[in-house]
Amino acid sequence: MKKRKRGPVLFAILAAVILSGCGNNQTSSNDNKQTKLIVKNSDSSRTETINYQTTYHNRKYNKQAIVYLPKNYHAKKKHNVLYLLHGSTEVRNGRSTFYNDGNFKRVLDNLSDQNKLKDTIVVFPTYYPSSQQVSSNYYDDNPLNRRFAKIELMNDLVPAVEKRYRTYAENTSQAALEKSRNHRAFGGFSMGSITSWYVFQYDLPYFRYYLPMAGDSWTVTSDGGASEPRKTAQVLADEVKKYPKLKFKIMAGVGSGDGTSGSMTPQINAMWKLSEFNRTNLQYYTQPGGNHDAPTMARIVAHYADQLFS
C-alpha cells in the first residue's frame, strides 16, 4: 500500500492551527478585558488586606487586617464600618482567622441580600502586635486587649481603613471621626469581646454600636463580670456620664452552651440596674444551640444586623 504524502497536508493543518491560535489569543485578550470590567462592576463582594503600622513597647510593627467589601462597593458611595475582633490565638501569618472560621463572607453576603446590613465594610483585625505575643494563656492577652482599644484602634487602624475606603468620615481627623460615629461599630469574640468593652470605655465618642460576644468586661479585674459585676457596671456607667448627649447601643450575645454566660449575665444584670442603661441601649441575646466558637458569633452578628446603623 502506498503511503500518502503528508507534507502539504501537514502544512495546511499547521497553518490552520496557527491562525486559529492567533484568533483565540485575540479573543482571550478581549475576554480578559471584559472580565476585568465585569469584576469592577460586579455584584460580588470581595475580600482585601490592608497594611498599617503600630508601635508597641517603642518598636514599630507592620500589621494586616482583613477587609470585607460589600456588593457594589464604590469609592464614591459612603459606607458604614463594622470592626470585628477575634479571640485568643485566632491568628495565622499575622492575620485574623475569625473571618474564615465563622464563614463570614457567606453570612455577610446573605445579610446584604436580605437588606439587613447594606453598604457596610467589615474589618477583621488582630490585637496581637506580632506572632511573638500570641500565648495559649488567654489571661496574658488582657493588656494587649486594653492597649488595642486605648491606642492602636483609633491611632492606627481606623485612620488606615477610613483613609483608604469610602466611609462617612470626611477625613481621619479626630473631629471627622467623632462626627461619623453613627456609622461605626465594634464587636468581638471572647478576648475580642473583652476588647469590645474596653472600646466602649475608651472610644465612646467614635463608635455608636457595640457587639461584645462571649466575654465580659475586665476593666476592674479579670473575669470582672462574674467577680465584680457592680463595680464593673459602674465603671462603664461613669463613661456614659461623661458624654450625656451621645447615643449608643450595646448588643451583647452568647451561645446557649457557652460557659462565658456565667460572666456576662451578672455584669449585664448589674448594668440594667443603673439609670444609664436600659433594655433598648443594652440588649442581651442567647443564641440557641450556640457554643464558644466563631460560627455561633456569626449567627449573633446576623441576629443583630438589622439594628446596626439604623
Protein backbone atom coordinates (compact mmCIF):
# COMPACT_ATOMS: atom_id res chain seq x y z
CA MET A 1 0.00 0.00 0.00
CA LYS A 2 1.28 3.42 -0.91
CA LYS A 3 1.81 5.90 1.88
CA ARG A 4 0.14 9.27 1.33
CA LYS A 5 2.32 12.33 1.09
CA ARG A 6 1.77 14.32 4.30
CA GLY A 7 3.86 17.42 3.59
CA PRO A 8 1.19 19.71 2.07
CA VAL A 9 -1.47 18.34 4.39
CA LEU A 10 0.62 18.93 7.50
CA PHE A 11 1.47 22.42 6.31
CA ALA A 12 -2.20 23.21 5.83
CA ILE A 13 -3.08 21.83 9.25
CA LEU A 14 -0.28 23.76 10.97
CA ALA A 15 -1.29 26.95 9.22
CA ALA A 16 -4.86 26.48 10.34
CA VAL A 17 -3.76 25.84 13.92
CA ILE A 18 -1.54 28.92 13.95
CA LEU A 19 -4.29 31.09 12.52
CA SER A 20 -6.77 29.60 14.93
CA GLY A 21 -4.37 30.18 17.80
CA CYS A 22 -3.92 33.81 16.78
CA GLY A 23 -7.67 34.22 16.66
CA ASN A 24 -8.05 32.60 20.07
CA ASN A 25 -5.36 34.81 21.57
CA GLN A 26 -7.14 37.87 20.33
CA THR A 27 -10.41 36.60 21.73
CA SER A 28 -8.74 35.81 25.07
CA SER A 29 -7.38 39.34 25.22
CA ASN A 30 -10.85 40.76 24.67
CA ASP A 31 -12.31 38.30 27.14
CA ASN A 32 -9.77 39.35 29.77
CA LYS A 33 -10.67 42.99 29.29
CA GLN A 34 -14.33 42.11 29.60
CA THR A 35 -13.67 40.04 32.70
CA LYS A 36 -11.83 42.93 34.34
CA LEU A 37 -14.75 45.19 33.51
CA ILE A 38 -17.18 42.69 34.97
CA VAL A 39 -15.16 42.40 38.17
CA LYS A 40 -15.02 46.17 38.51
CA ASN A 41 -18.79 46.49 38.24
CA SER A 42 -19.58 43.12 39.79
CA ASP A 43 -22.38 42.35 42.20
CA SER A 44 -19.97 40.11 44.11
CA SER A 45 -18.41 41.08 47.40
CA ARG A 46 -14.67 40.84 47.74
CA THR A 47 -12.02 40.45 50.39
CA GLU A 48 -8.86 42.52 50.65
CA THR A 49 -5.99 43.03 53.06
CA ILE A 50 -4.94 46.39 54.42
CA ASN A 51 -1.49 47.09 55.85
CA TYR A 52 -0.69 49.55 58.60
CA GLN A 53 1.85 50.17 61.34
CA THR A 54 1.57 50.33 65.10
CA THR A 55 4.07 50.96 67.89
CA TYR A 56 4.31 48.60 70.83
CA HIS A 57 6.99 48.94 73.53
CA ASN A 58 8.83 51.51 71.39
CA ARG A 59 9.04 49.17 68.43
CA LYS A 60 7.17 49.53 65.15
CA TYR A 61 5.22 46.54 63.85
CA ASN A 62 3.78 46.01 60.38
CA LYS A 63 0.27 44.69 60.70
CA GLN A 64 -2.54 43.47 58.47
CA ALA A 65 -6.31 43.42 58.71
CA ILE A 66 -8.78 41.57 56.50
CA VAL A 67 -11.38 43.82 54.87
CA TYR A 68 -14.73 42.63 53.51
CA LEU A 69 -16.12 44.95 50.83
CA PRO A 70 -19.85 44.55 50.16
CA LYS A 71 -21.52 44.01 46.85
CA ASN A 72 -21.46 47.04 44.57
CA TYR A 73 -18.85 48.77 46.70
CA HIS A 74 -17.97 52.06 45.04
CA ALA A 75 -15.46 54.67 46.12
CA LYS A 76 -17.97 57.45 45.51
CA LYS A 77 -20.56 55.96 47.86
CA LYS A 78 -20.43 56.29 51.65
CA HIS A 79 -20.23 53.08 53.69
CA ASN A 80 -20.71 52.09 57.32
CA VAL A 81 -17.85 50.25 59.01
CA LEU A 82 -18.05 47.30 61.39
CA TYR A 83 -14.84 46.17 63.10
CA LEU A 84 -14.88 42.55 64.34
CA LEU A 85 -12.10 41.21 66.54
CA HIS A 86 -11.04 37.59 67.07
CA GLY A 87 -10.50 35.60 70.26
CA SER A 88 -7.35 34.23 71.86
CA THR A 89 -4.78 32.68 69.45
CA GLU A 90 -7.08 33.14 66.43
CA VAL A 91 -4.33 34.36 64.11
CA ARG A 92 -2.28 32.83 61.33
CA ASN A 93 0.55 34.52 59.45
CA GLY A 94 -0.26 37.79 61.16
CA ARG A 95 -3.93 37.79 60.14
CA SER A 96 -7.14 37.08 62.00
CA THR A 97 -8.71 33.68 61.24
CA PHE A 98 -12.07 34.81 62.61
CA TYR A 99 -13.28 35.76 59.11
CA ASN A 100 -12.80 32.26 57.71
CA ASP A 101 -13.60 30.39 60.93
CA GLY A 102 -17.04 32.00 61.06
CA ASN A 103 -17.64 31.74 57.30
CA PHE A 104 -18.34 35.45 57.44
CA LYS A 105 -18.23 36.07 53.70
CA ARG A 106 -21.28 33.88 53.18
CA VAL A 107 -23.02 35.33 56.24
CA LEU A 108 -22.34 38.94 55.24
CA ASP A 109 -23.36 38.28 51.63
CA ASN A 110 -26.67 36.84 52.81
CA LEU A 111 -27.29 39.78 55.15
CA SER A 112 -26.63 42.19 52.30
CA ASP A 113 -29.00 40.27 50.02
CA GLN A 114 -31.68 40.45 52.71
CA ASN A 115 -31.12 44.22 53.15
CA LYS A 116 -30.19 43.67 56.78
CA LEU A 117 -26.66 45.00 56.52
CA LYS A 118 -26.32 47.12 53.41
CA ASP A 119 -23.37 49.23 52.34
CA THR A 120 -21.20 48.07 55.20
CA ILE A 121 -17.46 47.42 55.18
CA VAL A 122 -16.40 44.81 57.74
CA VAL A 123 -12.83 44.80 59.07
CA PHE A 124 -11.20 41.83 60.81
CA PRO A 125 -8.04 43.00 62.62
CA THR A 126 -5.84 41.34 65.24
CA TYR A 127 -4.88 42.74 68.61
CA TYR A 128 -1.53 40.94 68.62
CA PRO A 129 1.35 43.22 67.56
CA SER A 130 3.03 40.12 66.10
CA SER A 131 3.11 36.34 66.46
CA GLN A 132 5.63 36.76 69.27
CA GLN A 133 2.87 37.91 71.60
CA VAL A 134 0.49 35.01 70.95
CA SER A 135 0.03 32.98 74.13
CA SER A 136 -2.00 29.89 74.92
CA ASN A 137 -2.88 31.54 78.24
CA TYR A 138 -5.61 33.98 77.29
CA TYR A 139 -5.20 35.91 80.55
CA ASP A 140 -1.89 37.11 79.11
CA ASP A 141 -3.84 38.85 76.34
CA ASN A 142 -5.68 41.27 78.60
CA PRO A 143 -3.01 44.03 78.50
CA LEU A 144 -2.95 43.72 74.71
CA ASN A 145 -6.74 43.98 74.56
CA ARG A 146 -6.74 47.15 76.65
CA ARG A 147 -3.85 48.62 74.66
CA PHE A 148 -5.59 47.87 71.35
CA ALA A 149 -8.68 49.78 72.48
CA LYS A 150 -6.81 52.70 74.05
CA ILE A 151 -4.06 53.21 71.46
CA GLU A 152 -3.96 51.17 68.28
CA LEU A 153 -7.60 51.24 67.27
CA MET A 154 -8.06 54.98 66.87
CA ASN A 155 -4.45 55.99 66.29
CA ASP A 156 -3.52 53.38 63.69
CA LEU A 157 -6.22 51.01 62.43
CA VAL A 158 -9.28 53.24 61.95
CA PRO A 159 -7.34 56.03 60.18
CA ALA A 160 -5.73 53.47 57.85
CA VAL A 161 -9.06 51.86 56.96
CA GLU A 162 -11.12 55.01 56.62
CA LYS A 163 -8.49 56.82 54.62
CA ARG A 164 -8.32 54.02 52.07
CA TYR A 165 -12.04 53.22 51.79
CA ARG A 166 -15.08 55.45 51.33
CA THR A 167 -16.84 55.85 54.66
CA TYR A 168 -18.89 58.55 56.34
CA ALA A 169 -15.74 60.17 57.73
CA GLU A 170 -14.81 63.17 55.57
CA ASN A 171 -11.21 62.66 56.66
CA THR A 172 -9.37 60.94 59.52
CA SER A 173 -9.13 63.91 61.87
CA GLN A 174 -10.49 63.49 65.38
CA ALA A 175 -13.37 65.83 64.62
CA ALA A 176 -14.34 63.95 61.45
CA LEU A 177 -14.18 60.56 63.15
CA GLU A 178 -16.32 61.81 66.03
CA LYS A 179 -18.84 63.31 63.62
CA SER A 180 -19.21 59.96 61.78
CA ARG A 181 -19.59 57.77 64.91
CA ASN A 182 -23.18 56.85 63.97
CA HIS A 183 -21.76 54.84 61.09
CA ARG A 184 -19.14 52.90 63.03
CA ALA A 185 -19.47 49.73 65.13
CA PHE A 186 -17.11 47.48 67.05
CA GLY A 187 -17.58 43.88 68.13
CA GLY A 188 -15.54 40.88 69.13
CA PHE A 189 -15.49 37.27 70.23
CA SER A 190 -14.13 36.04 73.58
CA MET A 191 -10.99 38.13 74.21
CA GLY A 192 -12.26 40.26 71.35
CA SER A 193 -15.36 40.77 73.47
CA ILE A 194 -13.22 41.88 76.40
CA THR A 195 -11.71 44.35 73.93
CA SER A 196 -15.19 45.48 72.86
CA TRP A 197 -15.99 46.51 76.41
CA TYR A 198 -12.70 48.43 76.51
CA VAL A 199 -13.65 50.16 73.26
CA PHE A 200 -16.94 51.20 74.85
CA GLN A 201 -15.00 52.52 77.83
CA TYR A 202 -12.29 54.41 75.91
CA ASP A 203 -13.73 55.17 72.47
CA LEU A 204 -17.37 56.07 73.00
CA PRO A 205 -17.01 59.35 71.04
CA TYR A 206 -16.05 57.35 67.92
CA PHE A 207 -18.39 54.33 67.98
CA ARG A 208 -22.14 54.19 68.46
CA TYR A 209 -22.69 50.41 68.18
CA TYR A 210 -21.06 47.57 70.14
CA LEU A 211 -21.27 43.79 69.83
CA PRO A 212 -19.47 42.09 72.73
CA MET A 213 -19.88 38.35 72.22
CA ALA A 214 -18.91 35.61 74.67
CA GLY A 215 -16.93 37.78 77.03
CA ASP A 216 -17.38 40.22 79.93
CA SER A 217 -15.57 43.43 80.83
CA TRP A 218 -12.21 43.05 82.59
CA THR A 219 -11.76 46.73 83.30
CA VAL A 220 -11.88 46.20 87.09
CA THR A 221 -10.30 42.75 87.19
CA SER A 222 -10.04 39.63 85.05
CA ASP A 223 -13.42 37.88 84.87
CA GLY A 224 -14.81 41.02 86.46
CA GLY A 225 -18.31 40.44 85.11
CA ALA A 226 -18.58 37.46 87.46
CA SER A 227 -16.43 38.53 90.40
CA GLU A 228 -17.15 42.29 90.45
CA PRO A 229 -20.31 42.86 88.41
CA ARG A 230 -21.48 46.01 90.24
CA LYS A 231 -18.08 47.71 90.17
CA THR A 232 -17.68 46.80 86.52
CA ALA A 233 -21.12 48.15 85.67
CA GLN A 234 -20.39 51.39 87.49
CA VAL A 235 -17.12 51.99 85.63
CA LEU A 236 -18.95 51.63 82.33
CA ALA A 237 -21.78 53.87 83.52
CA ASP A 238 -19.29 56.54 84.53
CA GLU A 239 -18.05 56.65 80.93
CA VAL A 240 -21.60 57.22 79.72
CA LYS A 241 -21.96 60.13 82.16
CA LYS A 242 -19.01 61.88 80.52
CA TYR A 243 -20.92 62.09 77.24
CA PRO A 244 -24.58 62.65 78.13
CA LYS A 245 -25.51 63.63 74.57
CA LEU A 246 -24.02 60.58 72.88
CA LYS A 247 -26.42 57.79 71.99
CA PHE A 248 -25.18 54.21 71.94
CA LYS A 249 -26.40 50.66 71.60
CA ILE A 250 -24.72 47.60 73.10
CA MET A 251 -25.85 44.32 71.53
CA ALA A 252 -24.30 41.57 73.62
CA GLY A 253 -24.60 37.90 72.82
CA VAL A 254 -23.52 34.41 73.83
CA GLY A 255 -24.27 30.84 72.82
CA SER A 256 -26.64 28.80 74.96
CA GLY A 257 -23.89 26.23 75.52
CA ASP A 258 -21.14 28.76 76.21
CA GLY A 259 -19.84 28.98 79.78
CA THR A 260 -18.87 32.64 79.38
CA SER A 261 -22.52 33.46 80.06
CA GLY A 262 -21.58 32.94 83.70
CA SER A 263 -19.56 36.16 83.50
CA MET A 264 -21.69 38.12 81.06
CA THR A 265 -25.07 37.64 82.71
CA PRO A 266 -24.16 39.06 86.17
CA GLN A 267 -22.48 42.07 84.60
CA ILE A 268 -25.37 42.89 82.27
CA ASN A 269 -27.92 42.41 85.05
CA ALA A 270 -25.90 44.85 87.15
CA MET A 271 -25.78 47.32 84.28
CA TRP A 272 -29.54 47.17 83.82
CA LYS A 273 -29.93 48.31 87.42
CA LEU A 274 -28.19 51.61 86.62
CA SER A 275 -30.02 54.55 85.07
CA GLU A 276 -27.52 54.85 82.21
CA PHE A 277 -28.59 51.52 80.75
CA ASN A 278 -31.93 50.06 79.71
CA ARG A 279 -33.31 47.24 77.60
CA THR A 280 -33.02 49.36 74.45
CA ASN A 281 -29.44 50.61 74.62
CA LEU A 282 -28.22 47.37 76.22
CA GLN A 283 -29.54 44.13 74.76
CA TYR A 284 -28.53 40.60 75.62
CA TYR A 285 -29.21 37.69 73.29
CA THR A 286 -28.63 33.97 73.79
CA GLN A 287 -28.08 32.05 70.55
CA PRO A 288 -29.95 28.72 70.75
CA GLY A 289 -27.61 25.76 70.33
CA GLY A 290 -24.61 28.09 70.21
CA ASN A 291 -21.17 27.35 71.63
CA HIS A 292 -17.90 29.18 72.19
CA ASP A 293 -16.95 29.28 68.53
CA ALA A 294 -16.81 31.58 65.51
CA PRO A 295 -19.89 30.18 63.70
CA THR A 296 -22.02 30.99 66.74
CA MET A 297 -20.65 34.53 66.76
CA ALA A 298 -21.53 34.89 63.09
CA ARG A 299 -25.12 33.92 63.91
CA ILE A 300 -25.19 36.50 66.71
CA VAL A 301 -23.99 39.17 64.29
CA ALA A 302 -26.74 38.10 61.90
CA HIS A 303 -29.31 38.33 64.70
CA TYR A 304 -28.42 41.96 65.41
CA ALA A 305 -27.57 43.04 61.86
CA ASP A 306 -30.73 44.98 61.10
CA GLN A 307 -30.21 47.12 64.23
CA LEU A 308 -26.78 48.28 63.15
CA PHE A 309 -26.63 51.75 61.65
CA SER A 310 -30.41 52.10 61.80
